[in-house]
Amino acid sequence: MTALAILFASIATLGAFVGLEYVGHPIGGQSITAYGWGLCLNAAAIAAFLAYRSLQRA
């Protein structure tokens, strides 16, 4: 479960980079920053939940 929390934290970091336009490029003139921020928030929430559950089991 800890490994999954780390995986989702890294996905959240990737989403933040997409949101800040460090990674990725516009597709057909449309910016993908909203998708990056959505990915960041969702992955961070899942990572926090998994980390919380890991600590509760310990």
N, C-alpha and C. Protein backbone atom coordinates (compact mmCIF):
# COMPACT_ATOMS: atom_id res chain seq x y z
N MET A 1 0.83 -1.19 0.00
CA MET A 1 0.00 0.00 0.00
C MET A 1 0.88 1.25 0.00
N THR A 2 2.01 1.17 0.66
CA THR A 2 2.93 2.30 0.67
C THR A 2 3.50 2.54 -0.73
N ALA A 3 3.77 1.46 -1.45
CA ALA A 3 4.28 1.61 -2.81
C ALA A 3 3.26 2.30 -3.71
N LEU A 4 1.99 1.97 -3.54
CA LEU A 4 0.94 2.63 -4.32
C LEU A 4 0.83 4.11 -3.95
N ALA A 5 1.01 4.42 -2.67
CA ALA A 5 0.97 5.83 -2.25
C ALA A 5 2.11 6.61 -2.90
N ILE A 6 3.28 6.00 -2.96
CA ILE A 6 4.42 6.66 -3.61
C ILE A 6 4.17 6.81 -5.11
N LEU A 7 3.59 5.79 -5.73
CA LEU A 7 3.26 5.86 -7.15
C LEU A 7 2.29 7.00 -7.43
N PHE A 8 1.22 7.11 -6.63
CA PHE A 8 0.25 8.17 -6.86
C PHE A 8 0.83 9.55 -6.53
N ALA A 9 1.76 9.62 -5.58
CA ALA A 9 2.42 10.90 -5.31
C ALA A 9 3.26 11.33 -6.51
N SER A 10 3.91 10.38 -7.16
CA SER A 10 4.69 10.73 -8.35
C SER A 10 3.78 11.12 -9.51
N ILE A 11 2.62 10.49 -9.62
CA ILE A 11 1.65 10.88 -10.65
C ILE A 11 1.13 12.29 -10.36
N ALA A 12 0.93 12.61 -9.09
CA ALA A 12 0.50 13.97 -8.72
C ALA A 12 1.56 14.99 -9.10
N THR A 13 2.83 14.63 -8.93
CA THR A 13 3.92 15.53 -9.32
C THR A 13 3.92 15.74 -10.83
N LEU A 14 3.71 14.67 -11.58
CA LEU A 14 3.62 14.79 -13.04
C LEU A 14 2.45 15.69 -13.42
N GLY A 15 1.32 15.53 -12.76
CA GLY A 15 0.17 16.38 -13.04
C GLY A 15 0.45 17.85 -12.75
N ALA A 16 1.20 18.11 -11.69
CA ALA A 16 1.56 19.50 -11.38
C ALA A 16 2.46 20.08 -12.46
N PHE A 17 3.40 19.27 -12.97
CA PHE A 17 4.26 19.75 -14.05
C PHE A 17 3.46 20.02 -15.33
N VAL A 18 2.47 19.18 -15.61
CA VAL A 18 1.61 19.42 -16.77
C VAL A 18 0.80 20.69 -16.54
N GLY A 19 0.29 20.86 -15.34
CA GLY A 19 -0.49 22.06 -15.02
C GLY A 19 0.32 23.34 -15.13
N LEU A 20 1.59 23.26 -14.80
CA LEU A 20 2.48 24.43 -14.90
C LEU A 20 3.09 24.57 -16.29
N GLU A 21 2.71 23.70 -17.19
CA GLU A 21 3.17 23.70 -18.59
C GLU A 21 4.67 23.43 -18.73
N TYR A 22 5.26 22.68 -17.79
CA TYR A 22 6.64 22.24 -17.94
C TYR A 22 6.71 20.98 -18.78
N VAL A 23 5.62 20.20 -18.79
CA VAL A 23 5.55 18.94 -19.53
C VAL A 23 4.32 19.01 -20.42
N GLY A 24 4.44 18.51 -21.63
CA GLY A 24 3.30 18.49 -22.54
C GLY A 24 3.25 19.71 -23.42
N HIS A 25 2.37 19.65 -24.39
CA HIS A 25 2.19 20.77 -25.32
C HIS A 25 0.72 20.82 -25.72
N PRO A 26 0.27 21.96 -26.21
CA PRO A 26 -1.14 22.08 -26.61
C PRO A 26 -1.50 21.08 -27.70
N ILE A 27 -2.70 20.55 -27.60
CA ILE A 27 -3.19 19.60 -28.59
C ILE A 27 -4.27 20.30 -29.40
N GLY A 28 -3.99 20.55 -30.67
CA GLY A 28 -4.96 21.22 -31.52
C GLY A 28 -5.31 22.62 -31.05
N GLY A 29 -4.35 23.32 -30.48
CA GLY A 29 -4.59 24.68 -30.00
C GLY A 29 -5.24 24.74 -28.63
N GLN A 30 -5.53 23.59 -28.04
CA GLN A 30 -6.16 23.56 -26.72
C GLN A 30 -5.10 23.27 -25.65
N SER A 31 -5.11 24.03 -24.61
CA SER A 31 -4.17 23.82 -23.51
C SER A 31 -4.61 22.62 -22.68
N ILE A 32 -3.65 21.87 -22.17
CA ILE A 32 -3.97 20.70 -21.36
C ILE A 32 -3.72 20.94 -19.88
N THR A 33 -3.55 22.21 -19.48
CA THR A 33 -3.23 22.50 -18.08
C THR A 33 -4.35 22.08 -17.14
N ALA A 34 -5.60 22.20 -17.56
CA ALA A 34 -6.70 21.80 -16.69
C ALA A 34 -6.65 20.31 -16.39
N TYR A 35 -6.29 19.52 -17.40
CA TYR A 35 -6.16 18.08 -17.18
C TYR A 35 -5.01 17.79 -16.22
N GLY A 36 -3.94 18.55 -16.33
CA GLY A 36 -2.80 18.36 -15.42
C GLY A 36 -3.18 18.65 -13.98
N TRP A 37 -3.90 19.75 -13.75
CA TRP A 37 -4.31 20.07 -12.39
C TRP A 37 -5.32 19.05 -11.86
N GLY A 38 -6.20 18.57 -12.72
CA GLY A 38 -7.14 17.53 -12.30
C GLY A 38 -6.41 16.26 -11.91
N LEU A 39 -5.42 15.88 -12.70
CA LEU A 39 -4.62 14.70 -12.39
C LEU A 39 -3.87 14.90 -11.08
N CYS A 40 -3.33 16.08 -10.89
CA CYS A 40 -2.58 16.39 -9.67
C CYS A 40 -3.46 16.26 -8.43
N LEU A 41 -4.63 16.86 -8.47
CA LEU A 41 -5.52 16.83 -7.31
C LEU A 41 -6.02 15.43 -7.01
N ASN A 42 -6.44 14.70 -8.03
CA ASN A 42 -6.97 13.35 -7.81
C ASN A 42 -5.88 12.40 -7.32
N ALA A 43 -4.71 12.45 -7.92
CA ALA A 43 -3.63 11.57 -7.51
C ALA A 43 -3.13 11.92 -6.11
N ALA A 44 -3.09 13.20 -5.77
CA ALA A 44 -2.67 13.59 -4.42
C ALA A 44 -3.68 13.11 -3.38
N ALA A 45 -4.96 13.18 -3.70
CA ALA A 45 -5.98 12.70 -2.76
C ALA A 45 -5.87 11.19 -2.56
N ILE A 46 -5.66 10.45 -3.63
CA ILE A 46 -5.51 8.99 -3.50
C ILE A 46 -4.24 8.66 -2.73
N ALA A 47 -3.14 9.37 -3.00
CA ALA A 47 -1.89 9.12 -2.28
C ALA A 47 -2.04 9.41 -0.80
N ALA A 48 -2.72 10.49 -0.46
CA ALA A 48 -2.94 10.82 0.95
C ALA A 48 -3.81 9.77 1.63
N PHE A 49 -4.84 9.31 0.94
CA PHE A 49 -5.70 8.28 1.50
C PHE A 49 -4.93 6.98 1.74
N LEU A 50 -4.12 6.57 0.76
CA LEU A 50 -3.35 5.34 0.92
C LEU A 50 -2.31 5.47 2.02
N ALA A 51 -1.68 6.62 2.13
CA ALA A 51 -0.70 6.83 3.21
C ALA A 51 -1.40 6.80 4.56
N TYR A 52 -2.57 7.40 4.65
CA TYR A 52 -3.34 7.39 5.90
C TYR A 52 -3.71 5.96 6.28
N ARG A 53 -4.17 5.17 5.31
CA ARG A 53 -4.54 3.78 5.59
C ARG A 53 -3.32 2.96 5.99
N SER A 54 -2.17 3.25 5.39
CA SER A 54 -0.94 2.54 5.77
C SER A 54 -0.57 2.83 7.22
N LEU A 55 -0.70 4.09 7.62
CA LEU A 55 -0.37 4.45 8.99
C LEU A 55 -1.37 3.88 9.98
N GLN A 56 -2.62 3.74 9.58
CA GLN A 56 -3.63 3.16 10.47
C GLN A 56 -3.39 1.68 10.70
N ARG A 57 -2.85 0.99 9.71
CA ARG A 57 -2.57 -0.44 9.85
C ARG A 57 -1.34 -0.70 10.70
N ALA A 58 -0.42 0.24 10.75
CA ALA A 58 0.84 0.04 11.48
C ALA A 58 0.64 0.11 12.97
